[in-house]
């Protein structure tokens, strides 16, 4: 089976479900965005949330994707940086239980954390991130041997704010012969780094994952037109449109993928798991449409739970559905 290496912010997700937007308004956090906060502000937010009940889960966009590829059976590895503290140890032990080869470097600051604010009625996610040690990952930390032996290299878009790091990473990955994918991660990150992202996609990236707001920020266009524009600059473009499904394009080949049925309670991690399913199917040589359908199947499972960890019954169901889809495809029935 093919192998995959991811790079991203090693964060622990701290999830809280809110009844409305008042908390976001109080802290001036735009709904649906990803905002960086300093440690003091992050501590204040966390203290306010604790009475409401919070859940600690090892997270980070690329780490979520890599966890899922590992569960699918791909040899998976992750590069990140944590502090020498409880959250850092939690993150490492979480990856170890899934068999992920962690290249977790130690930073001077505390481990990063992402407060995930989930608001009713549509389970929309807003992030207030204290990056901590994750921000200390620098180009000099990367070594060519980290990339050798991997077929895929997956980047989370949140890292593109560290442009020198990402440029060195994609150069090393390309030299190692990796297929490079990137998840654009957040519309405001795309807006702030648009020219750099366009350069990286054009010259290094093979597969781009974006939701509709990220695609708009990247291209200035809406949905299908945005997909067409992204596909002009890379091998495969994917634009996710939430409950309405996704669109995939490679060259002149285009498919609309319906969202798999789900009882959605929390959209956290949906894009990360979609990417994992897509890359897994791609690694098996599946047709473009089937890659999108596998992504849709696994994304539908994560939105039915709070947080990014799919439970065992849902994983079993997903694997069964995916196995049947792949079998039908190979037999020419799908």
Protein backbone atom coordinates (compact mmCIF):
# COMPACT_ATOMS: atom_id res chain seq x y z
CA UNK A 1 0.00 0.00 0.00
CA UNK A 2 1.13 3.57 -0.72
CA UNK A 3 2.61 5.75 2.03
CA UNK A 4 1.88 9.30 3.18
CA UNK A 5 3.64 12.03 5.17
CA UNK A 6 1.84 15.06 6.56
CA UNK A 7 3.07 18.35 7.98
CA UNK A 8 1.01 20.67 10.11
CA UNK A 9 0.36 22.40 13.38
CA UNK A 10 0.48 19.88 16.23
CA UNK A 11 -2.51 21.16 18.17
CA UNK A 12 -4.88 19.77 20.74
CA UNK A 13 -8.48 20.62 19.87
CA UNK A 14 -10.57 21.88 22.77
CA UNK A 15 -14.18 21.64 21.68
CA UNK A 16 -17.10 23.59 23.09
CA UNK A 17 -20.71 23.67 21.86
CA UNK A 18 -22.37 27.10 22.09
CA UNK A 19 -26.11 27.84 21.87
CA UNK A 20 -25.67 31.01 19.79
CA UNK A 21 -23.15 33.56 18.49
CA UNK A 22 -22.99 35.81 21.56
CA UNK A 23 -19.69 34.36 22.80
CA UNK A 24 -18.10 34.95 19.39
CA UNK A 25 -19.36 38.52 19.34
CA UNK A 26 -18.03 39.17 22.85
CA UNK A 27 -14.50 38.20 21.79
CA UNK A 28 -14.84 39.73 18.32
CA UNK A 29 -14.20 36.43 16.55
CA UNK A 30 -15.82 36.29 13.08
CA UNK A 31 -18.05 33.25 12.74
CA UNK A 32 -16.51 30.51 10.64
CA UNK A 33 -13.02 31.98 10.76
CA UNK A 34 -9.73 30.88 12.26
CA UNK A 35 -8.29 33.55 14.57
CA UNK A 36 -4.93 33.52 16.33
CA UNK A 37 -4.96 34.58 19.97
CA UNK A 38 -2.14 35.14 22.44
CA UNK A 39 -1.73 32.87 25.45
CA UNK A 40 -3.42 35.30 27.82
CA UNK A 41 -6.53 35.64 25.64
CA UNK A 42 -6.56 31.93 24.98
CA UNK A 43 -6.47 31.21 28.71
CA UNK A 44 -9.35 33.62 29.33
CA UNK A 45 -11.48 31.99 26.62
CA UNK A 46 -10.77 28.55 27.99
CA UNK A 47 -11.68 29.53 31.55
CA UNK A 48 -14.99 30.98 30.32
CA UNK A 49 -15.77 27.79 28.42
CA UNK A 50 -14.94 25.22 31.08
CA UNK A 51 -18.28 25.61 32.93
CA UNK A 52 -20.04 24.81 29.64
CA UNK A 53 -18.06 21.59 29.28
CA UNK A 54 -15.13 21.08 26.92
CA UNK A 55 -13.59 18.06 25.21
CA UNK A 56 -9.84 17.59 24.63
CA UNK A 57 -8.86 15.80 21.41
CA UNK A 58 -5.51 15.65 19.63
CA UNK A 59 -6.06 17.55 16.41
CA UNK A 60 -4.67 19.86 13.78
CA UNK A 61 -5.85 19.65 10.17
CA UNK A 62 -3.04 17.58 8.64
CA UNK A 63 -2.77 15.39 11.75
CA UNK A 64 -6.49 14.58 11.46
CA UNK A 65 -6.00 13.56 7.84
CA UNK A 66 -2.96 11.45 8.63
CA UNK A 67 -4.79 9.70 11.48
CA UNK A 68 -7.49 8.64 9.04
CA UNK A 69 -5.03 7.44 6.38
CA UNK A 70 -3.35 5.36 9.08
CA UNK A 71 -6.70 3.79 10.02
CA UNK A 72 -7.25 3.02 6.34
CA UNK A 73 -4.00 1.06 6.47
CA UNK A 74 -1.59 3.44 4.77
CA UNK A 75 1.86 3.78 6.35
CA UNK A 76 1.51 7.31 7.71
CA UNK A 77 3.84 9.85 9.29
CA UNK A 78 3.55 13.40 10.60
CA UNK A 79 5.94 16.32 11.12
CA UNK A 80 5.13 18.92 13.79
CA UNK A 81 6.40 20.67 16.91
CA UNK A 82 5.03 20.57 20.47
CA UNK A 83 6.02 21.76 23.92
CA UNK A 84 7.35 19.44 26.61
CA UNK A 85 4.05 19.39 28.49
CA UNK A 86 0.84 17.42 29.04
CA UNK A 87 -0.77 18.53 25.77
CA UNK A 88 2.37 17.58 23.85
CA UNK A 89 2.43 14.16 25.47
CA UNK A 90 -1.28 13.70 24.74
CA UNK A 91 -0.69 14.54 21.08
CA UNK A 92 2.21 12.09 20.74
CA UNK A 93 0.41 9.24 22.49
CA UNK A 94 -2.69 9.79 20.35
CA UNK A 95 -0.66 9.41 17.15
CA UNK A 96 1.18 6.39 18.53
CA UNK A 97 -2.05 4.48 19.14
CA UNK A 98 -2.87 4.75 15.44
CA UNK A 99 0.60 3.60 14.38
CA UNK A 100 1.64 6.99 13.03
CA UNK A 101 5.36 7.65 12.81
CA UNK A 102 5.58 10.99 14.60
CA UNK A 103 8.43 13.36 13.93
CA UNK A 104 7.54 15.67 16.82
CA UNK A 105 10.22 18.24 17.49
CA UNK A 106 10.32 20.05 20.85
CA UNK A 107 9.68 23.79 21.08
CA UNK A 108 10.33 26.30 23.85
CA UNK A 109 6.71 27.46 24.21
CA UNK A 110 3.76 25.41 25.50
CA UNK A 111 2.05 23.08 23.04
CA UNK A 112 -0.46 24.69 20.72
CA UNK A 113 -4.18 24.35 21.16
CA UNK A 114 -7.20 25.09 19.02
CA UNK A 115 -10.37 26.14 20.78
CA UNK A 116 -13.15 24.96 18.48
CA UNK A 117 -16.38 26.88 19.03
CA UNK A 118 -19.32 24.97 17.58
CA UNK A 119 -22.41 27.13 17.19
CA UNK A 120 -26.06 26.22 16.68
CA UNK A 121 -28.10 25.69 14.59
CA UNK A 122 -25.78 24.48 11.79
CA UNK A 123 -22.79 23.23 13.82
CA UNK A 124 -20.56 25.86 12.21
CA UNK A 125 -16.98 25.88 13.51
CA UNK A 126 -15.00 28.91 14.58
CA UNK A 127 -11.41 28.58 15.77
CA UNK A 128 -9.50 30.58 18.40
CA UNK A 129 -5.98 29.20 18.20
CA UNK A 130 -3.01 29.67 20.48
CA UNK A 131 -0.25 28.25 18.34
CA UNK A 132 2.49 28.00 20.97
CA UNK A 133 5.32 25.63 20.03
CA UNK A 134 3.68 24.80 16.69
CA UNK A 135 4.80 28.19 15.37
CA UNK A 136 8.41 27.36 16.16
CA UNK A 137 8.62 24.86 13.30
CA UNK A 138 11.15 26.44 10.91
CA UNK A 139 12.77 25.52 7.57
CA UNK A 140 15.97 24.48 9.34
CA UNK A 141 14.01 21.73 11.16
CA UNK A 142 13.35 19.88 7.91
CA UNK A 143 15.66 17.16 6.67
CA UNK A 144 15.58 15.41 3.27
CA UNK A 145 15.43 12.00 4.94
CA UNK A 146 12.07 12.89 6.49
CA UNK A 147 10.54 12.76 3.00
CA UNK A 148 12.24 9.70 1.55
CA UNK A 149 10.11 6.61 1.06
CA UNK A 150 6.75 8.42 1.01
CA UNK A 151 4.43 8.47 -1.99
CA UNK A 152 2.28 11.39 -0.80
CA UNK A 153 3.04 14.60 1.07
CA UNK A 154 0.04 16.41 2.58
CA UNK A 155 0.15 20.02 3.78
CA UNK A 156 -2.38 21.86 5.90
CA UNK A 157 -3.07 25.36 4.64
CA UNK A 158 -2.74 26.95 8.07
CA UNK A 159 1.03 26.51 7.72
CA UNK A 160 1.34 28.73 4.65
CA UNK A 161 1.69 31.75 6.90
CA UNK A 162 5.19 30.36 7.42
CA UNK A 163 6.05 30.72 3.77
CA UNK A 164 9.74 29.83 4.02
CA UNK A 165 8.87 26.58 5.81
CA UNK A 166 6.32 25.52 3.20
CA UNK A 167 8.59 26.41 0.28
CA UNK A 168 11.41 24.27 1.68
CA UNK A 169 8.97 21.45 2.46
CA UNK A 170 7.52 21.29 -1.04
CA UNK A 171 10.99 21.49 -2.57
CA UNK A 172 12.11 18.51 -0.48
CA UNK A 173 8.91 16.60 -1.15
CA UNK A 174 9.15 17.16 -4.89
CA UNK A 175 12.80 16.06 -4.85
CA UNK A 176 11.71 12.88 -3.04
CA UNK A 177 9.15 12.17 -5.76
CA UNK A 178 6.06 12.74 -3.60
CA UNK A 179 2.60 13.55 -4.91
CA UNK A 180 1.88 16.80 -3.06
CA UNK A 181 -1.56 17.77 -1.76
CA UNK A 182 -2.69 20.81 0.18
CA UNK A 183 -5.85 21.59 2.11
CA UNK A 184 -6.39 25.34 2.00
CA UNK A 185 -7.79 25.30 5.54
CA UNK A 186 -9.34 28.77 6.04
CA UNK A 187 -10.53 31.60 3.81
CA UNK A 188 -8.77 34.30 5.84
CA UNK A 189 -5.46 32.43 5.65
CA UNK A 190 -5.92 32.14 1.88
CA UNK A 191 -6.70 35.85 1.58
CA UNK A 192 -3.57 36.82 3.52
CA UNK A 193 -1.29 34.51 1.49
CA UNK A 194 -2.99 34.42 -1.88
CA UNK A 195 -0.01 35.20 -4.14
CA UNK A 196 2.25 32.77 -2.31
CA UNK A 197 -0.38 30.02 -2.48
CA UNK A 198 -0.93 30.58 -6.17
CA UNK A 199 2.81 30.22 -6.77
CA UNK A 200 3.08 27.05 -4.69
CA UNK A 201 0.05 25.45 -6.35
CA UNK A 202 1.29 26.27 -9.83
CA UNK A 203 4.82 24.98 -9.30
CA UNK A 204 4.61 22.19 -6.73
CA UNK A 205 1.12 21.02 -5.73
CA UNK A 206 -0.65 18.15 -7.48
CA UNK A 207 -3.94 17.99 -5.53
CA UNK A 208 -5.80 20.97 -4.02
CA UNK A 209 -8.61 20.67 -1.48
CA UNK A 210 -10.67 23.80 -0.78
CA UNK A 211 -14.14 24.60 0.48
CA UNK A 212 -16.25 27.16 -1.36
CA UNK A 213 -15.10 30.17 0.70
CA UNK A 214 -11.44 29.19 0.38
CA UNK A 215 -11.86 28.62 -3.35
CA UNK A 216 -13.45 32.05 -3.67
CA UNK A 217 -10.62 33.68 -1.71
CA UNK A 218 -8.05 31.89 -3.87
CA UNK A 219 -9.59 32.66 -7.27
CA UNK A 220 -12.12 35.47 -6.78
CA UNK A 221 -14.68 33.20 -8.44
CA UNK A 222 -17.69 31.16 -7.34
CA UNK A 223 -17.85 27.36 -6.97
CA UNK A 224 -17.66 25.76 -10.45
CA UNK A 225 -15.69 28.65 -11.96
CA UNK A 226 -13.34 28.54 -8.98
CA UNK A 227 -12.89 24.80 -9.46
CA UNK A 228 -12.08 25.30 -13.14
CA UNK A 229 -9.52 27.98 -12.30
CA UNK A 230 -7.78 25.89 -9.63
CA UNK A 231 -7.69 22.89 -11.98
CA UNK A 232 -5.81 24.98 -14.52
CA UNK A 233 -2.84 25.15 -12.16
CA UNK A 234 -2.65 21.65 -10.67
CA UNK A 235 -3.45 18.05 -11.55
CA UNK A 236 -6.58 17.61 -9.44
CA UNK A 237 -8.85 20.26 -7.91
CA UNK A 238 -11.48 19.56 -5.26
CA UNK A 239 -14.02 22.12 -4.05
CA UNK A 240 -16.17 21.02 -1.10
CA UNK A 241 -19.60 22.62 -0.74
CA UNK A 242 -20.68 21.31 2.65
CA UNK A 243 -24.03 19.55 2.81
CA UNK A 244 -24.35 20.03 -0.95
CA UNK A 245 -21.41 17.71 -1.63
CA UNK A 246 -18.25 18.40 -3.59
CA UNK A 247 -16.91 18.94 -7.07
CA UNK A 248 -13.76 17.35 -8.49
CA UNK A 249 -11.87 18.08 -11.68
CA UNK A 250 -8.81 16.70 -13.44
CA UNK A 251 -8.06 18.09 -16.88
CA UNK A 252 -11.35 17.97 -18.77
CA UNK A 253 -12.87 15.38 -16.43
CA UNK A 254 -15.44 16.79 -14.01
CA UNK A 255 -17.72 15.18 -11.44
CA UNK A 256 -20.24 16.47 -8.94
CA UNK A 257 -20.25 14.27 -5.83
CA UNK A 258 -23.34 14.23 -3.67
CA UNK A 259 -22.86 14.42 0.09
CA UNK A 260 -23.23 11.02 1.74
CA UNK A 261 -26.29 10.89 4.04
CA UNK A 262 -25.52 11.89 7.63
CA UNK A 263 -27.16 13.16 10.80
CA UNK A 264 -24.86 16.16 11.26
CA UNK A 265 -24.13 17.43 14.75
CA UNK A 266 -20.59 18.83 14.32
CA UNK A 267 -18.75 19.59 11.08
CA UNK A 268 -15.33 19.66 12.76
CA UNK A 269 -12.86 17.56 10.78
CA UNK A 270 -15.13 16.94 7.80
CA UNK A 271 -12.68 18.44 5.33
CA UNK A 272 -9.72 16.65 6.92
CA UNK A 273 -11.40 13.25 6.72
CA UNK A 274 -12.65 13.92 3.17
CA UNK A 275 -9.04 14.53 2.14
CA UNK A 276 -7.97 11.27 3.81
CA UNK A 277 -10.63 9.27 2.00
CA UNK A 278 -9.84 10.91 -1.32
CA UNK A 279 -6.09 10.31 -0.98
CA UNK A 280 -6.61 6.72 0.15
CA UNK A 281 -8.77 5.96 -2.90
CA UNK A 282 -6.31 7.81 -5.14
CA UNK A 283 -3.47 5.69 -3.75
CA UNK A 284 -5.42 2.59 -4.84
CA UNK A 285 -5.67 3.94 -8.38
CA UNK A 286 -9.41 4.56 -8.19
CA UNK A 287 -11.14 6.79 -10.77
CA UNK A 288 -11.54 10.47 -9.90
CA UNK A 289 -15.26 10.16 -9.15
CA UNK A 290 -14.70 7.24 -6.79
CA UNK A 291 -11.99 9.20 -4.94
CA UNK A 292 -14.55 11.92 -4.29
CA UNK A 293 -17.18 9.41 -3.22
CA UNK A 294 -14.81 7.74 -0.73
CA UNK A 295 -14.03 11.18 0.67
CA UNK A 296 -17.75 11.86 0.99
CA UNK A 297 -18.42 8.54 2.75
CA UNK A 298 -15.85 9.07 5.49
CA UNK A 299 -16.67 12.77 5.92
CA UNK A 300 -20.29 11.79 6.57
CA UNK A 301 -19.18 9.67 9.52
CA UNK A 302 -17.17 12.37 11.31
CA UNK A 303 -19.99 14.95 11.19
CA UNK A 304 -22.14 12.57 13.24
CA UNK A 305 -19.81 12.82 16.26
CA UNK A 306 -18.46 15.69 18.35
CA UNK A 307 -14.86 16.36 17.37
CA UNK A 308 -12.62 14.68 14.83
CA UNK A 309 -12.47 11.10 16.13
CA UNK A 310 -14.86 8.70 14.41
CA UNK A 311 -16.06 5.90 16.69
CA UNK A 312 -15.48 2.22 15.94
CA UNK A 313 -19.01 1.38 14.70
CA UNK A 314 -18.93 4.26 12.22
CA UNK A 315 -15.44 3.29 11.05
CA UNK A 316 -16.65 -0.26 10.45
CA UNK A 317 -19.63 1.02 8.51
CA UNK A 318 -17.47 3.36 6.44
CA UNK A 319 -14.94 0.66 5.59
CA UNK A 320 -17.73 -1.69 4.54
CA UNK A 321 -19.33 0.95 2.30
CA UNK A 322 -15.97 1.90 0.79
CA UNK A 323 -14.99 -1.73 0.22
CA UNK A 324 -18.27 -2.36 -1.62
CA UNK A 325 -17.80 0.78 -3.72
CA UNK A 326 -14.25 -0.17 -4.69
CA UNK A 327 -15.27 -3.75 -5.46
CA UNK A 328 -18.13 -2.56 -7.69
CA UNK A 329 -15.76 -0.17 -9.45
CA UNK A 330 -13.23 -2.91 -10.16
CA UNK A 331 -15.99 -5.17 -11.48
CA UNK A 332 -17.23 -2.39 -13.72
CA UNK A 333 -20.60 -2.17 -12.00
CA UNK A 334 -20.21 1.41 -10.82
